[in-house]
Amino acid sequence: MLRVPDLQHQTVLLHGSDLLKLQIRGGGGAAILHSTGYRTAQILGSVLLLLILPACGTVGRAENPMRSSSLLLLSLLPRNSPTDRRDVLAIDAGIEAALAARGHRAGGHRVSLVRGDSSDPNNGTEDVQSCPAIGARYAGEARIVAAIGPLTDGCAMGVVPALAQRGIALVSPTATAPVFTHETSSRHFCSFSQDRPSLDGCRPADFYPRGVRNYAHVLATVDRQGPAAAALFARLGVKRVYLLAAYGLDAWMADSFRREARQLGIRVVGYGKPDVYRPSRAEIERQARAVVSSGANGLYLLSDQEADPAGRDAGLPPFLAAIRRSGFAGTIVGSFWTTNGLLVQRAPRAAEGMYYTSMRLPLVALPTQASALAARLKLRGRYAVDAVYGAAAADVLLDAVADSDGTRAGVRAALFRVRDRGLLGSIRIDANGDVVPARVAILRVVKASLVYRGTVTVGEAD
């Protein structure tokens, strides 16, 4: 089922340059962290780092030394990442807020938070090659019954099987690859090779060595954007769409878009896969001519990123600008996981009026509790949304712990029975680990700002 909203006009900023300011309180007020801007990683390193996992290295404890009866909830995030550290702090703030709101208890169980590190020791980011060993080490601590993380799908490729082997429930507040929870294609070519790992053709069975699932999302998976985009095109009267792909995971959206487009009477009239890393002027102009000559009155940008913020690729901005210069006046829909605003910044005139789909809902699309949490934590923009989804992931796991006997097996089984009414509205986790309903936000670029226009519900509505 697709529920397409009336396109309402509400302004929401999903990116910004405001400095991050957090106040994180541990149980009993024992640990307080104030941080501002990019000094956060240095400050984080000084906050109550305790050796509780002899085989794992250091893990920061979020509260006073715990009683032996406490169950441990692991927050597994890349704490040394040079690009993600502010997001990590915001997610942690949301997790801590969720625990504090329940008095660090779930049902009859006392729950304590430990902060693990999924950073690669060489580059500080989550790395597909180091994450399997990191997951295995944390899984060796018997008191850890559940975990929140990791940040990325590449790291989940190693962490999910490692924790599944020990029956540890895992919920990611940010990862969106569908292959961990449901099949997306008849093609099966999953690769765990250290040289060229690939999620593209994976299936859920590839990640659960004991055949028992342990992983769930609180975000709609990336493939849900395809049907949402098709529904948006249909509402806007678009009948002929050209697909423009830029990155390797675009097939997840392309396949689901094609299926929904056929049902809605929309014809795909072309498919381009340009070189977005170092494209020549001739390549850019050739792609622009192909879009215009196709007769399309809709353009779907199949990219889960806009461009590399570090400038290592050109992204889609030069192509979009060339397409507009070539006379294309149709509807443009883009897609992303989280906005970095680069397309709007680099090609503002070309991006004006285009739409976006996003699995992360802005605060204005969420219940008032979400905005209240962001205000309490003094967070804005993308970091406010980080905190909300971090808290939502914690709420899901705390619900599972409350509905369990406190064992790993009990928490894992309860995860797939969770029904929660909170920061994300009324949701549940289905037997696959997908969040139901799957909601996708519709945004529009208006005067170089992103404006929330509504939410599309894809698939089952709870």
Protein backbone atom coordinates (compact mmCIF):
# COMPACT_ATOMS: atom_id res chain seq x y z
CA MET A 1 0.00 0.00 0.00
CA LEU A 2 1.22 3.50 -0.82
CA ARG A 3 -0.19 6.43 1.08
CA VAL A 4 0.72 9.66 -0.65
CA PRO A 5 0.11 12.89 1.26
CA ASP A 6 -1.26 16.17 0.10
CA LEU A 7 1.87 18.22 -0.54
CA GLN A 8 1.80 20.59 2.39
CA HIS A 9 4.26 23.45 2.80
CA GLN A 10 6.35 23.33 5.96
CA THR A 11 9.94 24.52 6.13
CA VAL A 12 12.57 22.33 7.77
CA LEU A 13 16.34 22.67 7.70
CA LEU A 14 18.05 19.28 7.58
CA HIS A 15 21.58 20.55 7.47
CA GLY A 16 23.39 23.40 9.07
CA SER A 17 26.66 24.68 10.48
CA ASP A 18 25.56 25.26 14.05
CA LEU A 19 27.97 23.99 16.68
CA LEU A 20 27.03 20.85 18.51
CA LYS A 21 26.39 21.26 22.21
CA LEU A 22 25.59 18.20 24.26
CA GLN A 23 25.00 17.43 27.86
CA ILE A 24 25.04 13.71 28.51
CA ARG A 25 24.14 12.44 31.95
CA GLY A 26 24.94 8.97 33.17
CA GLY A 27 23.00 7.07 35.81
CA GLY A 28 22.85 9.01 39.03
CA GLY A 29 24.32 12.04 37.28
CA ALA A 30 27.80 10.52 37.53
CA ALA A 31 29.04 11.34 34.03
CA ILE A 32 28.46 14.73 32.45
CA LEU A 33 29.91 15.64 29.06
CA HIS A 34 29.79 19.14 27.60
CA SER A 35 31.12 19.51 24.07
CA THR A 36 31.08 22.16 21.42
CA GLY A 37 32.00 21.87 17.76
CA TYR A 38 34.83 19.68 16.54
CA ARG A 39 36.56 19.43 19.91
CA THR A 40 34.08 16.70 20.84
CA ALA A 41 36.29 13.74 19.99
CA GLN A 42 39.05 15.00 22.29
CA ILE A 43 36.62 15.56 25.14
CA LEU A 44 34.91 12.21 24.63
CA GLY A 45 38.23 10.47 25.11
CA SER A 46 38.52 11.87 28.64
CA VAL A 47 35.12 10.74 29.91
CA LEU A 48 35.08 7.68 32.16
CA LEU A 49 36.89 5.13 29.96
CA LEU A 50 36.84 1.86 31.90
CA LEU A 51 38.30 -1.52 31.09
CA ILE A 52 35.34 -3.86 31.30
CA LEU A 53 36.15 -6.10 28.35
CA PRO A 54 39.68 -7.42 28.82
CA ALA A 55 39.69 -9.01 25.37
CA CYS A 56 38.19 -6.03 23.64
CA GLY A 57 40.16 -3.00 24.74
CA THR A 58 38.50 0.03 26.28
CA VAL A 59 34.82 0.73 26.46
CA GLY A 60 33.46 3.97 27.93
CA ARG A 61 30.89 3.36 30.63
CA ALA A 62 27.94 5.74 30.70
CA GLU A 63 27.26 5.58 34.42
CA ASN A 64 28.65 4.61 37.82
CA PRO A 65 30.19 1.14 38.26
CA MET A 66 27.36 -1.30 37.74
CA ARG A 67 25.97 -3.94 40.00
CA SER A 68 26.48 -7.51 38.80
CA SER A 69 22.75 -7.81 38.13
CA SER A 70 22.80 -5.11 35.45
CA LEU A 71 22.29 -6.05 31.83
CA LEU A 72 24.57 -4.27 29.38
CA LEU A 73 23.35 -2.36 26.34
CA LEU A 74 26.21 -1.68 23.93
CA SER A 75 26.39 1.47 21.82
CA LEU A 76 28.72 0.48 18.97
CA LEU A 77 29.66 3.55 16.93
CA PRO A 78 32.82 4.99 15.26
CA ARG A 79 34.03 7.27 18.04
CA ASN A 80 37.28 8.24 16.32
CA SER A 81 35.78 9.06 12.92
CA PRO A 82 36.93 12.47 11.65
CA THR A 83 33.72 12.91 9.64
CA ASP A 84 31.07 11.29 11.86
CA ARG A 85 32.04 12.31 15.39
CA ARG A 86 29.33 14.94 15.82
CA ASP A 87 26.70 12.49 14.58
CA VAL A 88 28.01 9.86 17.01
CA LEU A 89 27.77 12.23 19.96
CA ALA A 90 24.23 13.19 19.00
CA ILE A 91 23.17 9.54 18.67
CA ASP A 92 24.72 8.76 22.04
CA ALA A 93 22.87 11.69 23.59
CA GLY A 94 19.60 10.27 22.28
CA ILE A 95 20.39 6.79 23.59
CA GLU A 96 21.30 8.14 27.02
CA ALA A 97 18.10 10.22 27.10
CA ALA A 98 16.02 7.13 26.36
CA LEU A 99 17.69 5.22 29.19
CA ALA A 100 17.35 8.10 31.61
CA ALA A 101 13.65 8.47 30.81
CA ARG A 102 13.12 4.91 32.03
CA GLY A 103 15.35 5.23 35.06
CA HIS A 104 17.84 2.84 33.46
CA ARG A 105 15.32 0.02 33.82
CA ALA A 106 13.39 -2.12 31.36
CA GLY A 107 10.67 -4.22 32.94
CA GLY A 108 12.27 -5.90 35.94
CA HIS A 109 15.81 -5.47 34.60
CA ARG A 110 18.38 -2.81 35.36
CA VAL A 111 20.11 -1.74 32.15
CA SER A 112 23.49 -0.01 31.90
CA LEU A 113 25.01 1.53 28.79
CA VAL A 114 28.54 0.85 27.58
CA ARG A 115 30.04 2.77 24.69
CA GLY A 116 31.95 0.60 22.27
CA ASP A 117 34.07 1.77 19.37
CA SER A 118 33.59 0.50 15.81
CA SER A 119 36.37 2.75 14.43
CA ASP A 120 39.05 1.17 12.31
CA PRO A 121 42.37 1.68 14.14
CA ASN A 122 44.03 2.92 10.96
CA ASN A 123 41.58 5.52 9.66
CA GLY A 124 39.01 6.09 12.44
CA THR A 125 35.99 5.29 10.27
CA GLU A 126 33.90 2.14 10.18
CA ASP A 127 35.65 -0.23 7.82
CA VAL A 128 34.19 -3.40 6.33
CA GLN A 129 37.49 -5.20 6.89
CA SER A 130 37.86 -4.48 10.61
CA CYS A 131 34.21 -4.60 11.69
CA PRO A 132 33.89 -8.44 11.80
CA ALA A 133 36.69 -8.69 14.38
CA ILE A 134 35.33 -5.72 16.34
CA GLY A 135 31.88 -7.33 16.50
CA ALA A 136 33.32 -10.68 17.55
CA ARG A 137 35.30 -9.13 20.41
CA TYR A 138 32.30 -7.31 21.88
CA ALA A 139 30.14 -10.41 21.48
CA GLY A 140 32.53 -12.18 23.84
CA GLU A 141 31.31 -10.17 26.87
CA ALA A 142 28.54 -12.31 28.35
CA ARG A 143 26.66 -9.45 30.05
CA ILE A 144 26.01 -7.61 26.77
CA VAL A 145 22.49 -8.65 25.78
CA ALA A 146 21.79 -6.13 23.03
CA ALA A 147 23.52 -3.49 20.93
CA ILE A 148 22.76 -0.26 19.07
CA GLY A 149 24.71 0.30 15.87
CA PRO A 150 26.65 0.27 13.73
CA LEU A 151 26.53 3.56 11.83
CA THR A 152 27.01 2.16 8.31
CA ASP A 153 25.81 -0.77 6.24
CA GLY A 154 29.40 -1.71 5.37
CA CYS A 155 30.20 -2.23 9.04
CA ALA A 156 26.90 -4.06 9.59
CA MET A 157 28.12 -6.58 7.00
CA GLY A 158 30.65 -7.77 9.59
CA VAL A 159 28.98 -6.89 12.89
CA VAL A 160 25.58 -8.48 12.19
CA PRO A 161 26.96 -12.03 11.65
CA ALA A 162 29.39 -11.69 14.56
CA LEU A 163 26.64 -10.74 17.01
CA ALA A 164 24.16 -13.18 15.44
CA GLN A 165 26.62 -16.00 16.17
CA ARG A 166 26.21 -15.19 19.89
CA GLY A 167 22.49 -14.37 19.70
CA ILE A 168 22.85 -10.65 20.51
CA ALA A 169 20.00 -8.40 19.36
CA LEU A 170 21.16 -5.44 17.28
CA VAL A 171 19.29 -2.32 16.09
CA SER A 172 20.87 0.32 13.87
CA PRO A 173 19.68 3.92 14.13
CA THR A 174 21.14 4.82 10.73
CA ALA A 175 21.88 1.85 8.44
CA THR A 176 19.35 1.24 5.67
CA ALA A 177 20.55 -1.60 3.39
CA PRO A 178 17.60 -3.92 2.73
CA VAL A 179 19.63 -7.10 2.25
CA PHE A 180 19.85 -7.81 5.99
CA THR A 181 16.08 -8.04 6.35
CA HIS A 182 14.45 -8.89 3.00
CA GLU A 183 15.35 -9.98 -0.51
CA THR A 184 15.55 -7.28 -3.13
CA SER A 185 16.65 -9.14 -6.26
CA SER A 186 16.67 -12.58 -7.86
CA ARG A 187 20.42 -12.08 -8.48
CA HIS A 188 22.61 -13.56 -5.75
CA PHE A 189 26.28 -12.56 -5.77
CA CYS A 190 27.09 -11.55 -2.21
CA SER A 191 30.83 -11.03 -1.66
CA PHE A 192 32.58 -11.02 1.71
CA SER A 193 35.98 -10.78 0.02
CA GLN A 194 38.42 -8.57 1.91
CA ASP A 195 39.51 -7.03 -1.39
CA ARG A 196 36.08 -6.30 -2.88
CA PRO A 197 33.24 -6.81 -0.39
CA SER A 198 29.82 -6.14 -1.86
CA LEU A 199 26.32 -5.97 -0.42
CA ASP A 200 24.60 -5.49 -3.79
CA GLY A 201 23.47 -9.08 -4.39
CA CYS A 202 23.27 -10.30 -0.80
CA ARG A 203 20.30 -11.95 0.88
CA PRO A 204 19.35 -12.16 4.57
CA ALA A 205 20.52 -15.77 4.84
CA ASP A 206 24.08 -14.61 4.11
CA PHE A 207 24.31 -12.80 7.47
CA TYR A 208 22.86 -15.25 10.00
CA PRO A 209 25.28 -18.16 10.48
CA ARG A 210 22.94 -19.98 12.87
CA GLY A 211 19.86 -19.26 10.77
CA VAL A 212 18.42 -17.03 13.51
CA ARG A 213 17.89 -13.32 12.88
CA ASN A 214 19.08 -10.71 15.36
CA TYR A 215 19.01 -7.39 13.44
CA ALA A 216 16.45 -4.64 12.94
CA HIS A 217 16.15 -1.13 11.46
CA VAL A 218 14.30 1.91 12.79
CA LEU A 219 14.62 3.62 9.41
CA ALA A 220 12.84 2.49 6.27
CA THR A 221 15.32 0.66 4.05
CA VAL A 222 16.76 2.41 1.01
CA ASP A 223 14.72 0.38 -1.50
CA ARG A 224 11.51 1.92 -0.10
CA GLN A 225 12.51 5.21 -1.75
CA GLY A 226 11.84 3.75 -5.22
CA PRO A 227 8.09 3.21 -4.72
CA ALA A 228 7.83 6.53 -2.86
CA ALA A 229 9.40 8.35 -5.83
CA ALA A 230 7.09 6.56 -8.28
CA ALA A 231 4.07 7.57 -6.20
CA LEU A 232 5.27 11.18 -6.15
CA PHE A 233 5.77 11.24 -9.93
CA ALA A 234 2.27 9.80 -10.41
CA ARG A 235 0.70 12.42 -8.13
CA LEU A 236 2.45 15.15 -10.12
CA GLY A 237 1.20 13.74 -13.45
CA VAL A 238 4.57 12.51 -14.75
CA LYS A 239 4.29 9.63 -17.24
CA ARG A 240 7.81 9.29 -18.74
CA VAL A 241 10.83 9.06 -16.43
CA TYR A 242 14.57 8.92 -17.13
CA LEU A 243 16.66 7.20 -14.43
CA LEU A 244 20.11 8.61 -13.68
CA ALA A 245 22.29 6.41 -11.47
CA ALA A 246 25.52 7.54 -9.87
CA TYR A 247 26.65 5.04 -7.23
CA GLY A 248 26.87 1.28 -6.82
CA LEU A 249 23.82 0.68 -4.61
CA ASP A 250 21.37 2.37 -6.98
CA ALA A 251 19.87 -0.93 -8.16
CA TRP A 252 17.99 -1.27 -4.87
CA MET A 253 16.02 1.87 -5.71
CA ALA A 254 15.91 1.32 -9.49
CA ASP A 255 14.34 -2.15 -9.26
CA SER A 256 11.69 -1.14 -6.74
CA PHE A 257 10.96 2.05 -8.70
CA ARG A 258 10.44 0.11 -11.94
CA ARG A 259 8.02 -2.31 -10.29
CA GLU A 260 5.89 0.44 -8.77
CA ALA A 261 6.11 2.62 -11.90
CA ARG A 262 4.64 -0.17 -14.04
CA GLN A 263 1.65 -0.44 -11.72
CA LEU A 264 1.13 3.33 -11.84
CA GLY A 265 1.34 3.59 -15.62
CA ILE A 266 4.71 5.33 -15.65
CA ARG A 267 7.16 4.42 -18.41
CA VAL A 268 10.93 4.36 -17.88
CA VAL A 269 12.34 5.88 -21.10
CA GLY A 270 16.05 5.83 -20.35
CA TYR A 271 18.76 4.83 -17.91
CA GLY A 272 22.11 6.57 -17.53
CA LYS A 273 25.07 5.69 -15.31
CA PRO A 274 27.56 8.53 -15.68
CA ASP A 275 31.05 8.75 -14.25
CA VAL A 276 30.54 11.04 -11.27
CA TYR A 277 34.13 10.96 -10.09
CA ARG A 278 36.06 12.82 -12.77
CA PRO A 279 33.63 13.37 -15.65
CA SER A 280 34.75 15.25 -18.74
CA ARG A 281 32.74 18.16 -20.11
CA ALA A 282 31.91 16.03 -23.17
CA GLU A 283 30.54 13.22 -20.96
CA ILE A 284 28.39 15.65 -18.99
CA GLU A 285 26.93 17.25 -22.13
CA ARG A 286 26.33 13.85 -23.77
CA GLN A 287 24.34 12.67 -20.75
CA ALA A 288 22.32 15.89 -20.71
CA ARG A 289 21.39 15.46 -24.39
CA ALA A 290 20.35 11.85 -23.75
CA VAL A 291 17.91 12.93 -21.02
CA VAL A 292 16.32 15.65 -23.17
CA SER A 293 16.11 13.52 -26.34
CA SER A 294 14.37 10.70 -24.45
CA GLY A 295 11.20 12.78 -24.21
CA ALA A 296 11.07 12.28 -20.44
CA ASN A 297 9.02 14.70 -18.36
CA GLY A 298 10.49 13.29 -15.14
CA LEU A 299 14.08 12.68 -14.01
CA TYR A 300 14.86 10.36 -11.10
CA LEU A 301 18.31 10.80 -9.58
CA LEU A 302 19.12 7.34 -8.23
CA SER A 303 21.79 8.27 -5.76
CA ASP A 304 21.91 7.61 -2.05
CA GLN A 305 24.47 10.38 -1.77
CA GLU A 306 24.79 13.75 -3.45
CA ALA A 307 28.57 13.96 -3.58
CA ASP A 308 31.58 13.37 -1.41
CA PRO A 309 31.80 16.31 1.04
CA ALA A 310 35.61 16.06 0.82
CA GLY A 311 35.43 16.86 -2.89
CA ARG A 312 36.80 13.55 -4.15
CA ASP A 313 33.97 13.20 -6.64
CA ALA A 314 31.93 15.62 -8.69
CA GLY A 315 28.63 13.95 -7.83
CA LEU A 316 25.48 14.83 -9.73
CA PRO A 317 25.59 18.68 -9.57
CA PRO A 318 27.40 19.20 -12.92
CA PHE A 319 25.06 16.75 -14.65
CA LEU A 320 21.94 18.37 -13.19
CA ALA A 321 23.15 21.82 -14.23
CA ALA A 322 23.86 20.61 -17.78
CA ILE A 323 20.46 18.90 -18.03
CA ARG A 324 18.71 22.12 -17.04
CA ARG A 325 20.82 24.14 -19.51
CA SER A 326 19.84 21.69 -22.25
CA GLY A 327 16.20 22.65 -21.83
CA PHE A 328 14.82 19.97 -19.53
CA ALA A 329 11.85 21.49 -17.68
CA GLY A 330 10.30 18.37 -16.18
CA THR A 331 9.97 17.18 -12.58
CA ILE A 332 13.18 16.07 -10.86
CA VAL A 333 13.21 13.74 -7.85
CA GLY A 334 16.40 12.93 -5.96
CA SER A 335 17.08 10.58 -3.07
CA PHE A 336 19.41 10.41 -0.13
CA TRP A 337 20.05 8.90 3.27
CA THR A 338 21.01 12.10 5.01
CA THR A 339 21.43 15.48 3.45
CA ASN A 340 24.77 17.15 3.12
CA GLY A 341 23.23 19.85 0.95
CA LEU A 342 25.96 19.66 -1.65
CA LEU A 343 23.72 19.40 -4.69
CA VAL A 344 21.77 22.47 -3.61
CA GLN A 345 25.01 24.30 -2.75
CA ARG A 346 26.85 23.42 -5.96
CA ALA A 347 23.97 23.78 -8.43
CA PRO A 348 21.40 25.99 -6.68
CA ARG A 349 19.63 27.22 -9.81
CA ALA A 350 19.38 23.73 -11.30
CA ALA A 351 18.19 22.22 -7.99
CA GLU A 352 15.50 24.85 -7.39
CA GLY A 353 12.07 23.23 -7.35
CA MET A 354 13.29 19.62 -7.35
CA TYR A 355 11.99 17.05 -4.88
CA TYR A 356 13.82 14.65 -2.60
CA THR A 357 12.86 11.43 -0.88
CA SER A 358 14.47 10.62 2.46
CA MET A 359 14.20 7.69 4.86
CA ARG A 360 15.07 10.01 7.73
CA LEU A 361 12.01 12.02 8.63
CA PRO A 362 12.59 15.64 9.70
CA LEU A 363 11.39 16.73 13.12
CA VAL A 364 8.34 18.44 11.64
CA ALA A 365 7.17 15.05 10.31
CA LEU A 366 7.53 13.33 13.69
CA PRO A 367 5.47 13.48 16.91
CA THR A 368 6.03 16.47 19.17
CA GLN A 369 8.11 14.30 21.52
CA ALA A 370 10.88 14.29 18.92
CA SER A 371 11.14 18.09 18.83
CA ALA A 372 10.95 18.19 22.62
CA LEU A 373 13.89 15.76 22.88
CA ALA A 374 15.96 17.82 20.42
CA ALA A 375 15.21 21.00 22.37
CA ARG A 376 16.13 19.35 25.66
CA LEU A 377 19.46 18.22 24.23
CA LYS A 378 20.03 21.61 22.57
CA LEU A 379 20.46 20.01 19.15
CA ARG A 380 19.40 21.31 15.76
CA GLY A 381 19.46 20.24 12.12
CA ARG A 382 20.76 16.82 11.23
CA TYR A 383 22.15 16.29 14.75
CA ALA A 384 18.68 16.66 16.24
CA VAL A 385 17.46 13.94 13.89
CA ASP A 386 20.49 11.78 14.81
CA ALA A 387 19.52 12.01 18.47
CA VAL A 388 15.88 11.12 17.79
CA TYR A 389 16.77 7.99 15.83
CA GLY A 390 19.38 7.02 18.41
CA ALA A 391 16.73 7.29 21.13
CA ALA A 392 14.22 5.38 18.99
CA ALA A 393 16.68 2.51 18.52
CA ALA A 394 17.25 2.44 22.28
CA ASP A 395 13.50 2.44 22.94
CA VAL A 396 13.03 -0.56 20.65
CA LEU A 397 15.72 -2.53 22.46
CA LEU A 398 14.50 -1.50 25.91
CA ASP A 399 11.01 -2.66 24.94
CA ALA A 400 12.54 -6.00 23.92
CA VAL A 401 14.46 -6.29 27.19
CA ALA A 402 11.31 -5.48 29.19
CA ASP A 403 9.41 -8.23 27.35
CA SER A 404 12.16 -10.80 27.94
CA ASP A 405 13.71 -12.93 30.66
CA GLY A 406 16.92 -10.90 30.38
CA THR A 407 18.86 -13.52 28.42
CA ARG A 408 20.30 -12.91 24.98
CA ALA A 409 17.91 -15.43 23.46
CA GLY A 410 14.97 -13.83 25.23
CA VAL A 411 15.83 -10.29 24.14
CA ARG A 412 16.50 -11.40 20.57
CA ALA A 413 13.15 -13.17 20.32
CA ALA A 414 11.31 -10.23 21.88
CA LEU A 415 12.87 -7.80 19.39
CA PHE A 416 10.61 -9.09 16.63
CA ARG A 417 7.50 -8.59 18.78
CA VAL A 418 8.20 -4.95 19.64
CA ARG A 419 5.40 -2.43 19.23
CA ASP A 420 6.31 1.11 20.22
CA ARG A 421 4.44 4.39 20.31
CA GLY A 422 6.92 7.15 20.82
CA LEU A 423 9.38 9.36 19.00
CA LEU A 424 8.67 7.84 15.57
CA GLY A 425 4.95 7.49 16.08
CA SER A 426 3.32 4.08 16.19
CA ILE A 427 5.76 1.46 14.87
CA ARG A 428 6.51 -2.21 15.18
CA ILE A 429 9.39 -4.48 14.19
CA ASP A 430 8.25 -7.29 11.90
CA ALA A 431 9.59 -10.84 11.69
CA ASN A 432 12.26 -9.76 9.20
CA GLY A 433 13.56 -6.88 11.30
CA ASP A 434 11.98 -4.15 9.17
CA VAL A 435 10.18 -1.22 10.75
CA VAL A 436 6.46 -1.05 10.00
CA PRO A 437 5.17 1.21 8.62
CA ALA A 438 8.01 2.23 6.31
CA ARG A 439 7.76 6.00 6.03
CA VAL A 440 9.57 8.12 3.45
CA ALA A 441 9.68 11.91 3.66
CA ILE A 442 9.05 14.11 0.62
CA LEU A 443 11.05 17.35 0.57
CA ARG A 444 11.34 20.15 -1.99
CA VAL A 445 14.04 22.70 -2.70
CA VAL A 446 12.55 26.18 -2.33
CA LYS A 447 14.89 29.18 -2.44
CA ALA A 448 17.87 26.94 -1.64
CA SER A 449 16.16 25.51 1.46
CA LEU A 450 14.62 22.09 1.95
CA VAL A 451 10.89 22.23 2.58
CA TYR A 452 8.96 19.29 3.99
CA ARG A 453 5.96 18.47 1.82
CA GLY A 454 4.61 15.24 3.31
CA THR A 455 5.30 11.58 4.09
CA VAL A 456 4.67 8.52 1.92
CA THR A 457 3.91 5.21 3.61
CA VAL A 458 5.33 2.31 1.61
CA GLY A 459 4.04 -1.22 2.03
CA GLU A 460 2.04 -2.28 5.05
CA ALA A 461 0.51 0.45 7.20
CA ASP A 462 0.32 -0.67 10.79
